[in-house]
């Protein structure tokens, strides 16, 4: 009797052993992925300067690292033995400088029913990131959108989306922001030290915030 052929599922590469050999620093905001592939799922984004425990395993340009005690993959070329110098001073990623309070060129109809902080976020982002295609504000629902304390900023370019999400996080106090969600990652003031945290799958691209940056605010606590 001929020997049966192996199925595709039997040829899956084994998961590497998570043997920590040292640590390295992220030289840029770095995607943490489930596999050593550019199109694999992103489970988190670590900030520039974050220290990661690493292994010697490198595959397809990715290094196997420990992230929250689990084996994950990051681009090896963005890892360094030394911590990168901060570029926050005078940059566009932090600080309250450059926050516009002028009405948006696209109009102010979305601001109807929004709290001062939510209006502050809308105006700051429409001027700083004109790539946003539209903004959504108050709607008939429970939670922050129903109370006018949230803005959804629609964007298809994930690079711009992440830049905006991180800028809002860096300027949370000036804008009165309490929470930022983007691409199934959440950051909150209450758990600021945890950085970006993964969220469970909600079933669709919009529900998982893949196509927009969601910003929740306190109401009227911003100073910008």
C-alpha atoms as a PDB file:
ATOM      1  CA  UNK A   1       0.000   0.000   0.000  1.00  0.00           C
ATOM      2  CA  UNK A   2       1.483   3.429  -0.984  1.00  0.00           C
ATOM      3  CA  UNK A   3       2.471   5.739   1.852  1.00  0.00           C
ATOM      4  CA  UNK A   4       0.045   8.681   2.161  1.00  0.00           C
ATOM      5  CA  UNK A   5       1.462  12.098   1.300  1.00  0.00           C
ATOM      6  CA  UNK A   6       1.920  14.699   4.012  1.00  0.00           C
ATOM      7  CA  UNK A   7      -0.714  17.421   4.100  1.00  0.00           C
ATOM      8  CA  UNK A   8       0.110  21.127   4.044  1.00  0.00           C
ATOM      9  CA  UNK A   9      -0.745  21.409   7.728  1.00  0.00           C
ATOM     10  CA  UNK A  10       2.028  18.930   8.559  1.00  0.00           C
ATOM     11  CA  UNK A  11       4.716  21.181   7.055  1.00  0.00           C
ATOM     12  CA  UNK A  12       4.135  24.256   9.215  1.00  0.00           C
ATOM     13  CA  UNK A  13       7.416  25.563  10.601  1.00  0.00           C
ATOM     14  CA  UNK A  14       7.869  24.926  14.309  1.00  0.00           C
ATOM     15  CA  UNK A  15       7.695  27.837  16.727  1.00  0.00           C
ATOM     16  CA  UNK A  16      11.223  28.851  17.755  1.00  0.00           C
ATOM     17  CA  UNK A  17      12.343  28.363  21.319  1.00  0.00           C
ATOM     18  CA  UNK A  18      12.118  31.581  23.315  1.00  0.00           C
ATOM     19  CA  UNK A  19      15.684  31.608  24.646  1.00  0.00           C
ATOM     20  CA  UNK A  20      16.585  35.149  25.715  1.00  0.00           C
ATOM     21  CA  UNK A  21      20.194  36.095  24.979  1.00  0.00           C
ATOM     22  CA  UNK A  22      20.150  39.811  25.742  1.00  0.00           C
ATOM     23  CA  UNK A  23      18.246  43.024  25.102  1.00  0.00           C
ATOM     24  CA  UNK A  24      18.091  45.730  22.442  1.00  0.00           C
ATOM     25  CA  UNK A  25      16.347  49.063  21.944  1.00  0.00           C
ATOM     26  CA  UNK A  26      13.801  50.037  19.298  1.00  0.00           C
ATOM     27  CA  UNK A  27      15.229  52.820  17.132  1.00  0.00           C
ATOM     28  CA  UNK A  28      11.766  53.788  15.873  1.00  0.00           C
ATOM     29  CA  UNK A  29       8.129  53.041  16.704  1.00  0.00           C
ATOM     30  CA  UNK A  30       8.153  49.338  15.990  1.00  0.00           C
ATOM     31  CA  UNK A  31       5.461  46.841  14.952  1.00  0.00           C
ATOM     32  CA  UNK A  32       5.394  43.628  16.990  1.00  0.00           C
ATOM     33  CA  UNK A  33       4.151  40.763  14.799  1.00  0.00           C
ATOM     34  CA  UNK A  34       2.987  37.182  15.242  1.00  0.00           C
ATOM     35  CA  UNK A  35       5.182  35.867  12.413  1.00  0.00           C
ATOM     36  CA  UNK A  36       8.367  36.830  10.583  1.00  0.00           C
ATOM     37  CA  UNK A  37       6.434  38.301   7.652  1.00  0.00           C
ATOM     38  CA  UNK A  38       5.497  41.835   6.599  1.00  0.00           C
ATOM     39  CA  UNK A  39       1.837  40.873   6.224  1.00  0.00           C
ATOM     40  CA  UNK A  40       1.467  39.025   9.531  1.00  0.00           C
ATOM     41  CA  UNK A  41      -0.766  40.334  12.314  1.00  0.00           C
ATOM     42  CA  UNK A  42       0.470  43.254  14.402  1.00  0.00           C
ATOM     43  CA  UNK A  43      -0.176  42.620  18.093  1.00  0.00           C
ATOM     44  CA  UNK A  44       1.344  45.854  19.397  1.00  0.00           C
ATOM     45  CA  UNK A  45       3.442  48.879  18.521  1.00  0.00           C
ATOM     46  CA  UNK A  46       6.316  49.648  20.892  1.00  0.00           C
ATOM     47  CA  UNK A  47       7.599  53.192  21.191  1.00  0.00           C
ATOM     48  CA  UNK A  48      11.003  54.361  20.035  1.00  0.00           C
ATOM     49  CA  UNK A  49      13.512  53.730  22.823  1.00  0.00           C
ATOM     50  CA  UNK A  50      11.626  50.740  24.252  1.00  0.00           C
ATOM     51  CA  UNK A  51      13.852  47.961  25.584  1.00  0.00           C
ATOM     52  CA  UNK A  52      13.093  44.466  24.258  1.00  0.00           C
ATOM     53  CA  UNK A  53      14.382  41.087  25.379  1.00  0.00           C
ATOM     54  CA  UNK A  54      15.758  39.340  22.292  1.00  0.00           C
ATOM     55  CA  UNK A  55      16.915  35.936  21.085  1.00  0.00           C
ATOM     56  CA  UNK A  56      19.565  35.058  18.511  1.00  0.00           C
ATOM     57  CA  UNK A  57      16.901  33.810  16.085  1.00  0.00           C
ATOM     58  CA  UNK A  58      16.615  35.924  12.908  1.00  0.00           C
ATOM     59  CA  UNK A  59      14.377  35.020   9.970  1.00  0.00           C
ATOM     60  CA  UNK A  60      13.464  37.008   6.859  1.00  0.00           C
ATOM     61  CA  UNK A  61      14.889  40.178   8.393  1.00  0.00           C
ATOM     62  CA  UNK A  62      12.908  39.746  11.617  1.00  0.00           C
ATOM     63  CA  UNK A  63      14.278  38.949  15.076  1.00  0.00           C
ATOM     64  CA  UNK A  64      12.464  36.715  17.542  1.00  0.00           C
ATOM     65  CA  UNK A  65      11.841  38.613  20.783  1.00  0.00           C
ATOM     66  CA  UNK A  66       9.927  38.303  24.020  1.00  0.00           C
ATOM     67  CA  UNK A  67       6.920  40.614  24.258  1.00  0.00           C
ATOM     68  CA  UNK A  68       4.819  40.220  27.399  1.00  0.00           C
ATOM     69  CA  UNK A  69       6.401  36.785  27.891  1.00  0.00           C
ATOM     70  CA  UNK A  70       5.352  35.578  24.413  1.00  0.00           C
ATOM     71  CA  UNK A  71       7.470  34.941  21.339  1.00  0.00           C
ATOM     72  CA  UNK A  72       6.968  37.700  18.766  1.00  0.00           C
ATOM     73  CA  UNK A  73       8.811  39.146  15.754  1.00  0.00           C
ATOM     74  CA  UNK A  74      10.165  42.634  15.023  1.00  0.00           C
ATOM     75  CA  UNK A  75      12.263  44.074  12.186  1.00  0.00           C
ATOM     76  CA  UNK A  76      15.862  43.433  13.170  1.00  0.00           C
ATOM     77  CA  UNK A  77      17.230  46.523  11.387  1.00  0.00           C
ATOM     78  CA  UNK A  78      15.298  48.734  13.822  1.00  0.00           C
ATOM     79  CA  UNK A  79      17.008  47.258  16.888  1.00  0.00           C
ATOM     80  CA  UNK A  80      20.115  48.725  18.508  1.00  0.00           C
ATOM     81  CA  UNK A  81      22.408  47.884  21.402  1.00  0.00           C
ATOM     82  CA  UNK A  82      22.203  51.497  22.574  1.00  0.00           C
ATOM     83  CA  UNK A  83      19.149  53.541  23.441  1.00  0.00           C
ATOM     84  CA  UNK A  84      18.402  56.176  20.773  1.00  0.00           C
ATOM     85  CA  UNK A  85      18.481  59.827  21.751  1.00  0.00           C
ATOM     86  CA  UNK A  86      15.145  61.514  22.233  1.00  0.00           C
ATOM     87  CA  UNK A  87      14.022  63.793  19.412  1.00  0.00           C
ATOM     88  CA  UNK A  88      10.911  65.044  21.201  1.00  0.00           C
ATOM     89  CA  UNK A  89      12.203  68.575  21.716  1.00  0.00           C
ATOM     90  CA  UNK A  90      10.880  70.756  18.935  1.00  0.00           C
ATOM     91  CA  UNK A  91       9.487  67.796  16.972  1.00  0.00           C
ATOM     92  CA  UNK A  92       6.007  67.372  15.577  1.00  0.00           C
ATOM     93  CA  UNK A  93       5.353  64.272  17.701  1.00  0.00           C
ATOM     94  CA  UNK A  94       5.114  65.883  21.127  1.00  0.00           C
ATOM     95  CA  UNK A  95       4.500  69.087  22.964  1.00  0.00           C
ATOM     96  CA  UNK A  96       1.576  71.478  22.667  1.00  0.00           C
ATOM     97  CA  UNK A  97       3.242  73.722  20.097  1.00  0.00           C
ATOM     98  CA  UNK A  98       1.470  73.920  16.778  1.00  0.00           C
ATOM     99  CA  UNK A  99      -1.981  72.853  18.025  1.00  0.00           C
ATOM    100  CA  UNK A 100      -4.477  74.783  15.933  1.00  0.00           C
ATOM    101  CA  UNK A 101      -7.816  75.915  17.288  1.00  0.00           C
ATOM    102  CA  UNK A 102      -8.998  77.444  14.026  1.00  0.00           C
ATOM    103  CA  UNK A 103     -12.157  76.096  12.344  1.00  0.00           C
ATOM    104  CA  UNK A 104     -11.480  73.254   9.914  1.00  0.00           C
ATOM    105  CA  UNK A 105     -11.432  74.006   6.172  1.00  0.00           C
ATOM    106  CA  UNK A 106     -13.948  71.195   5.648  1.00  0.00           C
ATOM    107  CA  UNK A 107     -16.520  72.859   7.870  1.00  0.00           C
ATOM    108  CA  UNK A 108     -17.735  72.615  11.450  1.00  0.00           C
ATOM    109  CA  UNK A 109     -20.965  70.620  11.100  1.00  0.00           C
ATOM    110  CA  UNK A 110     -19.377  67.583  12.782  1.00  0.00           C
ATOM    111  CA  UNK A 111     -18.789  69.713  15.890  1.00  0.00           C
ATOM    112  CA  UNK A 112     -22.518  69.922  16.651  1.00  0.00           C
ATOM    113  CA  UNK A 113     -23.074  68.433  20.091  1.00  0.00           C
ATOM    114  CA  UNK A 114     -19.373  67.900  20.788  1.00  0.00           C
ATOM    115  CA  UNK A 115     -17.709  68.954  24.020  1.00  0.00           C
ATOM    116  CA  UNK A 116     -14.931  71.582  23.938  1.00  0.00           C
ATOM    117  CA  UNK A 117     -12.212  68.914  24.154  1.00  0.00           C
ATOM    118  CA  UNK A 118     -13.693  66.952  21.239  1.00  0.00           C
ATOM    119  CA  UNK A 119     -13.861  70.142  19.162  1.00  0.00           C
ATOM    120  CA  UNK A 120     -10.254  70.835  20.168  1.00  0.00           C
ATOM    121  CA  UNK A 121      -9.204  67.396  18.856  1.00  0.00           C
ATOM    122  CA  UNK A 122     -11.144  67.814  15.602  1.00  0.00           C
ATOM    123  CA  UNK A 123      -9.591  71.187  14.811  1.00  0.00           C
ATOM    124  CA  UNK A 124      -6.075  70.154  15.796  1.00  0.00           C
ATOM    125  CA  UNK A 125      -6.128  67.032  13.631  1.00  0.00           C
ATOM    126  CA  UNK A 126      -7.826  68.499  10.548  1.00  0.00           C
ATOM    127  CA  UNK A 127      -5.065  71.099  10.293  1.00  0.00           C
ATOM    128  CA  UNK A 128      -2.137  68.903  11.261  1.00  0.00           C
ATOM    129  CA  UNK A 129      -3.135  65.866   9.186  1.00  0.00           C
ATOM    130  CA  UNK A 130      -5.120  66.938   6.090  1.00  0.00           C
ATOM    131  CA  UNK A 131      -4.956  63.294   4.906  1.00  0.00           C
ATOM    132  CA  UNK A 132      -7.961  62.466   7.107  1.00  0.00           C
ATOM    133  CA  UNK A 133     -10.861  61.931   4.713  1.00  0.00           C
ATOM    134  CA  UNK A 134     -13.638  62.766   7.187  1.00  0.00           C
ATOM    135  CA  UNK A 135     -14.540  63.072  10.860  1.00  0.00           C
ATOM    136  CA  UNK A 136     -17.489  61.584  12.754  1.00  0.00           C
ATOM    137  CA  UNK A 137     -18.701  63.031  16.038  1.00  0.00           C
ATOM    138  CA  UNK A 138     -21.807  62.711  18.150  1.00  0.00           C
ATOM    139  CA  UNK A 139     -24.317  59.996  17.365  1.00  0.00           C
ATOM    140  CA  UNK A 140     -27.267  58.275  19.000  1.00  0.00           C
ATOM    141  CA  UNK A 141     -25.485  55.708  21.110  1.00  0.00           C
ATOM    142  CA  UNK A 142     -24.278  55.026  24.600  1.00  0.00           C
ATOM    143  CA  UNK A 143     -20.770  55.867  25.694  1.00  0.00           C
ATOM    144  CA  UNK A 144     -18.527  58.707  24.640  1.00  0.00           C
ATOM    145  CA  UNK A 145     -19.992  59.207  21.164  1.00  0.00           C
ATOM    146  CA  UNK A 146     -23.458  59.636  22.621  1.00  0.00           C
ATOM    147  CA  UNK A 147     -22.251  62.275  25.064  1.00  0.00           C
ATOM    148  CA  UNK A 148     -20.203  64.202  22.500  1.00  0.00           C
ATOM    149  CA  UNK A 149     -16.899  63.152  24.028  1.00  0.00           C
ATOM    150  CA  UNK A 150     -15.435  61.220  21.087  1.00  0.00           C
ATOM    151  CA  UNK A 151     -14.290  61.809  17.520  1.00  0.00           C
ATOM    152  CA  UNK A 152     -13.632  59.210  14.808  1.00  0.00           C
ATOM    153  CA  UNK A 153     -10.981  60.351  12.335  1.00  0.00           C
ATOM    154  CA  UNK A 154     -11.211  58.373   9.088  1.00  0.00           C
ATOM    155  CA  UNK A 155      -7.929  57.445   7.379  1.00  0.00           C
ATOM    156  CA  UNK A 156      -6.820  54.759   4.892  1.00  0.00           C
ATOM    157  CA  UNK A 157      -3.084  55.440   5.158  1.00  0.00           C
ATOM    158  CA  UNK A 158      -1.915  53.515   8.237  1.00  0.00           C
ATOM    159  CA  UNK A 159       1.398  55.380   8.418  1.00  0.00           C
ATOM    160  CA  UNK A 160      -0.440  58.696   8.746  1.00  0.00           C
ATOM    161  CA  UNK A 161      -2.967  57.080  11.062  1.00  0.00           C
ATOM    162  CA  UNK A 162      -0.257  55.901  13.442  1.00  0.00           C
ATOM    163  CA  UNK A 163       1.525  59.253  13.296  1.00  0.00           C
ATOM    164  CA  UNK A 164      -1.702  61.010  14.253  1.00  0.00           C
ATOM    165  CA  UNK A 165      -2.600  58.506  16.983  1.00  0.00           C
ATOM    166  CA  UNK A 166       0.821  58.886  18.585  1.00  0.00           C
ATOM    167  CA  UNK A 167       0.724  62.665  18.280  1.00  0.00           C
ATOM    168  CA  UNK A 168      -2.634  62.745  20.058  1.00  0.00           C
ATOM    169  CA  UNK A 169      -1.241  60.479  22.767  1.00  0.00           C
ATOM    170  CA  UNK A 170       1.804  62.738  23.205  1.00  0.00           C
ATOM    171  CA  UNK A 171      -0.467  65.797  23.504  1.00  0.00           C
ATOM    172  CA  UNK A 172      -3.244  64.150  25.527  1.00  0.00           C
ATOM    173  CA  UNK A 173      -3.103  66.614  28.408  1.00  0.00           C
ATOM    174  CA  UNK A 174      -3.249  69.708  26.186  1.00  0.00           C
ATOM    175  CA  UNK A 175      -6.114  68.250  24.144  1.00  0.00           C
ATOM    176  CA  UNK A 176      -8.074  66.826  27.078  1.00  0.00           C
ATOM    177  CA  UNK A 177      -7.782  63.284  25.708  1.00  0.00           C
ATOM    178  CA  UNK A 178      -8.563  60.230  27.828  1.00  0.00           C
ATOM    179  CA  UNK A 179      -8.240  57.438  25.252  1.00  0.00           C
ATOM    180  CA  UNK A 180      -6.891  56.722  21.763  1.00  0.00           C
ATOM    181  CA  UNK A 181      -7.740  53.613  19.712  1.00  0.00           C
ATOM    182  CA  UNK A 182      -6.267  52.626  16.341  1.00  0.00           C
ATOM    183  CA  UNK A 183      -5.866  49.341  14.469  1.00  0.00           C
ATOM    184  CA  UNK A 184      -6.988  47.178  17.407  1.00  0.00           C
ATOM    185  CA  UNK A 185      -4.588  48.951  19.790  1.00  0.00           C
ATOM    186  CA  UNK A 186      -5.673  51.116  22.715  1.00  0.00           C
ATOM    187  CA  UNK A 187      -3.929  53.655  24.919  1.00  0.00           C
ATOM    188  CA  UNK A 188      -5.567  55.265  27.940  1.00  0.00           C
ATOM    189  CA  UNK A 189      -4.476  57.885  30.432  1.00  0.00           C
ATOM    190  CA  UNK A 190      -5.423  55.551  33.287  1.00  0.00           C
ATOM    191  CA  UNK A 191      -2.985  52.904  32.055  1.00  0.00           C
ATOM    192  CA  UNK A 192      -0.508  55.191  30.361  1.00  0.00           C
ATOM    193  CA  UNK A 193       2.533  53.255  31.582  1.00  0.00           C
ATOM    194  CA  UNK A 194       1.302  50.133  29.754  1.00  0.00           C
ATOM    195  CA  UNK A 195       1.683  51.843  26.375  1.00  0.00           C
ATOM    196  CA  UNK A 196      -0.389  50.539  23.466  1.00  0.00           C
ATOM    197  CA  UNK A 197      -2.436  47.469  24.443  1.00  0.00           C
ATOM    198  CA  UNK A 198      -4.014  44.888  22.142  1.00  0.00           C
ATOM    199  CA  UNK A 199      -7.801  44.657  21.917  1.00  0.00           C
ATOM    200  CA  UNK A 200      -9.937  41.612  21.169  1.00  0.00           C
ATOM    201  CA  UNK A 201     -11.315  41.115  17.661  1.00  0.00           C
ATOM    202  CA  UNK A 202     -14.673  42.859  17.277  1.00  0.00           C
ATOM    203  CA  UNK A 203     -15.454  41.266  13.918  1.00  0.00           C
ATOM    204  CA  UNK A 204     -15.012  43.975  11.301  1.00  0.00           C
ATOM    205  CA  UNK A 205     -12.427  46.467  10.081  1.00  0.00           C
ATOM    206  CA  UNK A 206     -14.393  49.447  11.363  1.00  0.00           C
ATOM    207  CA  UNK A 207     -15.194  47.837  14.722  1.00  0.00           C
ATOM    208  CA  UNK A 208     -11.501  47.050  15.111  1.00  0.00           C
ATOM    209  CA  UNK A 209     -10.624  50.678  14.253  1.00  0.00           C
ATOM    210  CA  UNK A 210      -8.592  49.693  11.189  1.00  0.00           C
ATOM    211  CA  UNK A 211      -9.978  52.551   9.100  1.00  0.00           C
ATOM    212  CA  UNK A 212     -10.068  55.328  11.685  1.00  0.00           C
ATOM    213  CA  UNK A 213      -8.417  56.777  14.752  1.00  0.00           C
ATOM    214  CA  UNK A 214     -10.856  56.974  17.663  1.00  0.00           C
ATOM    215  CA  UNK A 215     -10.219  59.681  20.246  1.00  0.00           C
ATOM    216  CA  UNK A 216     -12.158  59.979  23.518  1.00  0.00           C
ATOM    217  CA  UNK A 217     -11.930  63.105  25.675  1.00  0.00           C
ATOM    218  CA  UNK A 218     -12.816  64.233  29.194  1.00  0.00           C
ATOM    219  CA  UNK A 219     -15.044  67.131  28.182  1.00  0.00           C
ATOM    220  CA  UNK A 220     -13.356  70.454  28.876  1.00  0.00           C
ATOM    221  CA  UNK A 221     -10.004  69.804  30.494  1.00  0.00           C
ATOM    222  CA  UNK A 222      -7.638  70.582  27.626  1.00  0.00           C
ATOM    223  CA  UNK A 223      -5.488  73.692  27.682  1.00  0.00           C
ATOM    224  CA  UNK A 224      -4.540  74.034  23.998  1.00  0.00           C
END
